N, C-alpha and C. Protein backbone atom coordinates (compact mmCIF):
# COMPACT_ATOMS: atom_id res chain seq x y z
N MET A 1 206.55 247.20 47.03
CA MET A 1 206.10 246.36 45.95
C MET A 1 204.68 245.90 46.27
N GLN A 2 203.87 245.92 45.27
CA GLN A 2 202.48 245.50 45.41
C GLN A 2 202.16 244.54 44.27
N VAL A 3 201.53 243.43 44.60
CA VAL A 3 201.24 242.42 43.58
C VAL A 3 199.85 241.83 43.81
N VAL A 4 199.19 241.55 42.70
CA VAL A 4 197.93 240.80 42.73
C VAL A 4 198.18 239.51 41.95
N LEU A 5 197.96 238.39 42.64
CA LEU A 5 198.14 237.07 42.03
C LEU A 5 196.78 236.44 41.79
N ASP A 6 196.66 235.70 40.71
CA ASP A 6 195.45 234.94 40.45
C ASP A 6 195.54 233.62 41.22
N GLU A 7 194.43 233.18 41.76
CA GLU A 7 194.41 231.93 42.54
C GLU A 7 194.99 230.76 41.75
N ALA A 8 194.79 230.76 40.45
CA ALA A 8 195.30 229.66 39.62
C ALA A 8 196.81 229.51 39.76
N SER A 9 197.52 230.62 39.93
CA SER A 9 198.98 230.54 40.06
C SER A 9 199.40 229.88 41.36
N LEU A 10 198.52 229.87 42.35
CA LEU A 10 198.84 229.24 43.63
C LEU A 10 198.54 227.75 43.63
N ARG A 11 197.57 227.35 42.85
CA ARG A 11 197.10 225.97 42.90
C ARG A 11 197.74 225.06 41.85
N ARG A 12 198.45 225.65 40.89
CA ARG A 12 199.11 224.83 39.87
C ARG A 12 200.35 224.21 40.49
N LEU A 13 200.43 222.90 40.50
CA LEU A 13 201.51 222.18 41.16
C LEU A 13 202.74 222.09 40.25
N ALA A 14 203.52 223.13 40.24
CA ALA A 14 204.78 223.12 39.50
C ALA A 14 205.86 222.60 40.43
N GLY A 15 206.34 221.40 40.17
CA GLY A 15 207.35 220.81 41.04
C GLY A 15 206.77 219.92 42.12
N GLY A 16 205.46 219.79 42.17
CA GLY A 16 204.82 218.91 43.15
C GLY A 16 204.36 219.65 44.39
N PRO A 17 203.60 218.95 45.23
CA PRO A 17 203.02 219.58 46.42
C PRO A 17 204.05 220.15 47.39
N GLU A 18 205.17 219.46 47.59
CA GLU A 18 206.17 219.94 48.54
C GLU A 18 206.77 221.27 48.08
N VAL A 19 207.09 221.37 46.82
CA VAL A 19 207.63 222.62 46.27
C VAL A 19 206.59 223.73 46.38
N THR A 20 205.36 223.42 46.04
CA THR A 20 204.29 224.41 46.10
C THR A 20 204.07 224.90 47.53
N ARG A 21 204.10 223.98 48.49
CA ARG A 21 203.97 224.39 49.90
C ARG A 21 205.11 225.33 50.30
N GLY A 22 206.31 225.05 49.86
CA GLY A 22 207.45 225.92 50.15
C GLY A 22 207.27 227.30 49.55
N GLN A 23 206.75 227.35 48.33
CA GLN A 23 206.49 228.64 47.69
C GLN A 23 205.39 229.40 48.43
N LEU A 24 204.36 228.70 48.85
CA LEU A 24 203.29 229.34 49.62
C LEU A 24 203.82 229.86 50.96
N ASP A 25 204.70 229.09 51.60
CA ASP A 25 205.31 229.55 52.85
C ASP A 25 206.04 230.88 52.64
N GLN A 26 206.77 230.98 51.54
CA GLN A 26 207.49 232.22 51.25
C GLN A 26 206.52 233.37 51.01
N LEU A 27 205.46 233.13 50.26
CA LEU A 27 204.46 234.18 50.03
C LEU A 27 203.82 234.63 51.33
N ILE A 28 203.49 233.67 52.19
CA ILE A 28 202.88 234.00 53.48
C ILE A 28 203.84 234.85 54.31
N GLN A 29 205.10 234.46 54.33
CA GLN A 29 206.08 235.22 55.10
C GLN A 29 206.20 236.64 54.57
N PHE A 30 206.34 236.80 53.27
CA PHE A 30 206.44 238.14 52.70
C PHE A 30 205.18 238.95 52.98
N ALA A 31 204.03 238.33 52.75
CA ALA A 31 202.76 239.05 52.92
C ALA A 31 202.53 239.47 54.36
N ALA A 32 202.96 238.64 55.31
CA ALA A 32 202.68 238.91 56.72
C ALA A 32 203.76 239.73 57.41
N GLU A 33 205.00 239.66 56.92
CA GLU A 33 206.10 240.22 57.70
C GLU A 33 206.90 241.34 57.02
N VAL A 34 206.85 241.45 55.72
CA VAL A 34 207.68 242.45 55.04
C VAL A 34 206.84 243.70 54.80
N PRO A 35 207.20 244.80 55.45
CA PRO A 35 206.34 245.99 55.43
C PRO A 35 206.17 246.66 54.06
N ASN A 36 207.16 246.56 53.20
CA ASN A 36 207.03 247.23 51.90
C ASN A 36 206.54 246.30 50.79
N VAL A 37 205.99 245.14 51.19
CA VAL A 37 205.43 244.19 50.23
C VAL A 37 203.96 243.98 50.56
N THR A 38 203.13 244.18 49.54
CA THR A 38 201.69 243.93 49.67
C THR A 38 201.30 242.88 48.64
N ILE A 39 200.74 241.78 49.12
CA ILE A 39 200.30 240.70 48.24
C ILE A 39 198.81 240.54 48.42
N GLN A 40 198.11 240.48 47.30
CA GLN A 40 196.68 240.19 47.31
C GLN A 40 196.42 239.09 46.29
N VAL A 41 195.49 238.21 46.62
CA VAL A 41 195.16 237.09 45.74
C VAL A 41 193.74 237.29 45.24
N LEU A 42 193.58 237.18 43.94
CA LEU A 42 192.27 237.27 43.32
C LEU A 42 191.69 235.86 43.23
N PRO A 43 190.72 235.53 44.10
CA PRO A 43 190.21 234.16 44.15
C PRO A 43 189.30 233.83 42.96
N PHE A 44 189.20 232.54 42.69
CA PHE A 44 188.32 232.06 41.63
C PHE A 44 186.90 232.59 41.80
N ALA A 45 186.47 232.71 43.05
CA ALA A 45 185.09 233.12 43.34
C ALA A 45 184.75 234.51 42.77
N LYS A 46 185.75 235.31 42.47
CA LYS A 46 185.49 236.64 41.90
C LYS A 46 185.17 236.57 40.41
N GLY A 47 185.34 235.40 39.82
CA GLY A 47 184.97 235.22 38.42
C GLY A 47 186.02 235.74 37.45
N SER A 48 185.55 236.01 36.26
CA SER A 48 186.42 236.47 35.18
C SER A 48 186.93 237.87 35.48
N HIS A 49 188.13 238.16 34.97
CA HIS A 49 188.69 239.50 35.14
C HIS A 49 189.52 239.88 33.92
N GLY A 50 189.92 241.11 33.84
CA GLY A 50 190.58 241.64 32.65
C GLY A 50 192.02 241.21 32.45
N SER A 51 192.57 240.42 33.34
CA SER A 51 193.96 240.02 33.19
C SER A 51 194.10 238.53 32.90
N LEU A 52 193.03 237.89 32.51
CA LEU A 52 193.09 236.45 32.23
C LEU A 52 193.99 236.13 31.03
N ALA A 53 194.18 237.09 30.14
CA ALA A 53 195.01 236.85 28.96
C ALA A 53 196.50 236.80 29.30
N GLY A 54 196.87 237.30 30.46
CA GLY A 54 198.28 237.24 30.85
C GLY A 54 198.64 238.32 31.85
N GLY A 55 199.75 238.10 32.50
CA GLY A 55 200.20 239.03 33.52
C GLY A 55 200.89 240.24 32.92
N PHE A 56 201.04 241.24 33.75
CA PHE A 56 201.74 242.45 33.35
C PHE A 56 202.34 243.09 34.59
N THR A 57 203.32 243.93 34.36
CA THR A 57 203.98 244.65 35.44
C THR A 57 203.96 246.13 35.11
N LEU A 58 203.49 246.93 36.06
CA LEU A 58 203.56 248.39 35.94
C LEU A 58 204.86 248.83 36.59
N ILE A 59 205.66 249.55 35.85
CA ILE A 59 206.94 250.02 36.36
C ILE A 59 206.89 251.54 36.48
N ASP A 60 206.98 251.99 37.72
CA ASP A 60 207.00 253.42 38.03
C ASP A 60 208.40 253.80 38.45
N PHE A 61 208.80 255.00 38.18
CA PHE A 61 210.13 255.48 38.54
C PHE A 61 210.03 256.62 39.53
N PRO A 62 211.01 256.76 40.41
CA PRO A 62 210.96 257.84 41.40
C PRO A 62 211.01 259.23 40.76
N ASP A 63 211.71 259.33 39.65
CA ASP A 63 211.81 260.62 38.95
C ASP A 63 210.51 260.89 38.22
N PRO A 64 209.80 261.97 38.58
CA PRO A 64 208.51 262.25 37.93
C PRO A 64 208.61 262.53 36.43
N HIS A 65 209.82 262.77 35.95
CA HIS A 65 210.00 263.01 34.51
C HIS A 65 210.12 261.71 33.72
N GLU A 66 210.30 260.62 34.44
CA GLU A 66 210.37 259.30 33.80
C GLU A 66 208.95 258.77 33.61
N ALA A 67 208.64 258.37 32.40
CA ALA A 67 207.30 257.86 32.11
C ALA A 67 207.11 256.44 32.67
N GLU A 68 205.89 256.15 33.10
CA GLU A 68 205.55 254.80 33.54
C GLU A 68 205.67 253.85 32.36
N VAL A 69 206.04 252.61 32.64
CA VAL A 69 206.21 251.58 31.61
C VAL A 69 205.38 250.37 32.02
N VAL A 70 204.78 249.71 31.03
CA VAL A 70 204.08 248.46 31.27
C VAL A 70 204.88 247.36 30.59
N TYR A 71 205.19 246.32 31.35
CA TYR A 71 205.91 245.17 30.82
C TYR A 71 204.94 244.01 30.72
N CYS A 72 204.88 243.40 29.54
CA CYS A 72 204.04 242.22 29.31
C CYS A 72 204.92 241.10 28.76
N ASP A 73 204.86 239.95 29.39
CA ASP A 73 205.59 238.78 28.93
C ASP A 73 204.58 237.94 28.15
N THR A 74 204.81 237.79 26.86
CA THR A 74 203.87 237.06 26.01
C THR A 74 204.57 235.88 25.34
N PRO A 75 203.81 234.91 24.84
CA PRO A 75 204.43 233.79 24.13
C PRO A 75 205.24 234.23 22.91
N SER A 76 204.89 235.37 22.33
CA SER A 76 205.61 235.83 21.15
C SER A 76 206.74 236.80 21.49
N GLY A 77 206.97 237.04 22.78
CA GLY A 77 208.08 237.92 23.18
C GLY A 77 207.66 238.92 24.23
N ASN A 78 208.62 239.67 24.69
CA ASN A 78 208.36 240.67 25.71
C ASN A 78 207.92 241.98 25.08
N LEU A 79 206.99 242.64 25.73
CA LEU A 79 206.52 243.94 25.26
C LEU A 79 206.74 244.99 26.35
N TYR A 80 207.20 246.14 25.95
CA TYR A 80 207.32 247.28 26.84
C TYR A 80 206.46 248.39 26.25
N LEU A 81 205.43 248.76 26.97
CA LEU A 81 204.50 249.78 26.48
C LEU A 81 204.73 251.08 27.25
N GLN A 82 204.87 252.18 26.51
CA GLN A 82 205.16 253.46 27.15
C GLN A 82 204.19 254.57 26.76
N LYS A 83 203.36 254.32 25.77
CA LYS A 83 202.43 255.37 25.35
C LYS A 83 201.42 255.62 26.46
N PRO A 84 201.10 256.88 26.70
CA PRO A 84 200.19 257.20 27.81
C PRO A 84 198.86 256.45 27.77
N HIS A 85 198.28 256.26 26.59
CA HIS A 85 196.99 255.55 26.55
C HIS A 85 197.15 254.08 26.95
N ASP A 86 198.32 253.47 26.67
CA ASP A 86 198.57 252.09 27.08
C ASP A 86 198.80 252.01 28.59
N THR A 87 199.65 252.86 29.11
CA THR A 87 199.94 252.82 30.55
C THR A 87 198.70 253.16 31.36
N ARG A 88 197.90 254.08 30.88
CA ARG A 88 196.65 254.44 31.57
C ARG A 88 195.69 253.25 31.59
N ARG A 89 195.58 252.56 30.47
CA ARG A 89 194.68 251.39 30.37
C ARG A 89 195.09 250.31 31.37
N PHE A 90 196.38 250.03 31.45
CA PHE A 90 196.85 249.00 32.39
C PHE A 90 196.75 249.47 33.84
N SER A 91 196.98 250.74 34.08
CA SER A 91 196.81 251.27 35.45
C SER A 91 195.36 251.13 35.90
N GLN A 92 194.43 251.40 34.99
CA GLN A 92 193.01 251.25 35.31
C GLN A 92 192.66 249.77 35.56
N LEU A 93 193.20 248.90 34.73
CA LEU A 93 192.98 247.47 34.91
C LEU A 93 193.53 247.02 36.27
N TYR A 94 194.72 247.48 36.62
CA TYR A 94 195.29 247.11 37.91
C TYR A 94 194.43 247.61 39.05
N GLY A 95 193.90 248.80 38.92
CA GLY A 95 192.99 249.33 39.94
C GLY A 95 191.76 248.45 40.10
N ARG A 96 191.22 247.97 38.99
CA ARG A 96 190.06 247.07 39.07
C ARG A 96 190.42 245.75 39.74
N LEU A 97 191.61 245.23 39.43
CA LEU A 97 192.06 243.98 40.06
C LEU A 97 192.23 244.17 41.57
N LEU A 98 192.80 245.29 41.96
CA LEU A 98 192.94 245.58 43.40
C LEU A 98 191.57 245.66 44.07
N GLY A 99 190.60 246.23 43.37
CA GLY A 99 189.26 246.34 43.93
C GLY A 99 188.56 245.00 44.08
N LEU A 100 188.90 244.05 43.23
CA LEU A 100 188.30 242.71 43.31
C LEU A 100 188.97 241.83 44.36
N ALA A 101 190.25 242.04 44.56
CA ALA A 101 191.02 241.17 45.46
C ALA A 101 190.75 241.51 46.92
N PRO A 102 190.66 240.49 47.77
CA PRO A 102 190.51 240.74 49.21
C PRO A 102 191.71 241.52 49.74
N ASP A 103 191.52 242.19 50.86
CA ASP A 103 192.60 243.00 51.43
C ASP A 103 193.77 242.11 51.86
N PRO A 104 194.93 242.71 52.11
CA PRO A 104 196.13 241.91 52.42
C PRO A 104 195.97 240.98 53.62
N ALA A 105 195.29 241.40 54.67
CA ALA A 105 195.11 240.51 55.84
C ALA A 105 194.28 239.28 55.46
N ASP A 106 193.22 239.49 54.70
CA ASP A 106 192.41 238.36 54.24
C ASP A 106 193.22 237.47 53.30
N THR A 107 194.11 238.08 52.53
CA THR A 107 194.94 237.31 51.62
C THR A 107 195.87 236.38 52.38
N VAL A 108 196.45 236.84 53.49
CA VAL A 108 197.31 235.96 54.29
C VAL A 108 196.52 234.76 54.78
N ARG A 109 195.31 234.99 55.27
CA ARG A 109 194.46 233.88 55.71
C ARG A 109 194.16 232.94 54.53
N PHE A 110 193.87 233.50 53.37
CA PHE A 110 193.58 232.71 52.18
C PHE A 110 194.80 231.87 51.80
N LEU A 111 196.00 232.47 51.81
CA LEU A 111 197.22 231.74 51.49
C LEU A 111 197.43 230.57 52.45
N ARG A 112 197.16 230.79 53.71
CA ARG A 112 197.31 229.71 54.71
C ARG A 112 196.32 228.58 54.44
N THR A 113 195.11 228.94 54.04
CA THR A 113 194.10 227.92 53.72
C THR A 113 194.54 227.10 52.51
N VAL A 114 195.01 227.78 51.48
CA VAL A 114 195.47 227.07 50.27
C VAL A 114 196.62 226.13 50.63
N ARG A 115 197.54 226.60 51.47
CA ARG A 115 198.67 225.76 51.87
C ARG A 115 198.20 224.52 52.62
N GLN A 116 197.22 224.66 53.51
CA GLN A 116 196.71 223.51 54.26
C GLN A 116 196.04 222.50 53.34
N GLU A 117 195.49 222.98 52.24
CA GLU A 117 194.80 222.09 51.29
C GLU A 117 195.79 221.30 50.42
N MET A 118 197.05 221.69 50.41
CA MET A 118 198.05 221.01 49.57
C MET A 118 198.42 219.66 50.14
């Protein structure tokens, strides 16, 4: 599993500082210790990016005959996009987000810094 999180999702105090610190602890543990999980954080310092309108999930299947799917959770409902031009667009966007985000080791350090600031 690979994920890029926006810094805003880390700093929003849902449930208060103690809950947020616990969530950050879990992210740090996964990012640092779970080999099949890669977490990267896109910091505010990188500026605007193409995913500010909302999150999305790229779903790939092991069977090469299964088409990639993009899942978008929106205020008006869930969307599942399967057309090649849609999945290609989101794959390209995800690639750009990965390029902007610091590498996983730097992300662990960043997560620890955010946690200390809570």
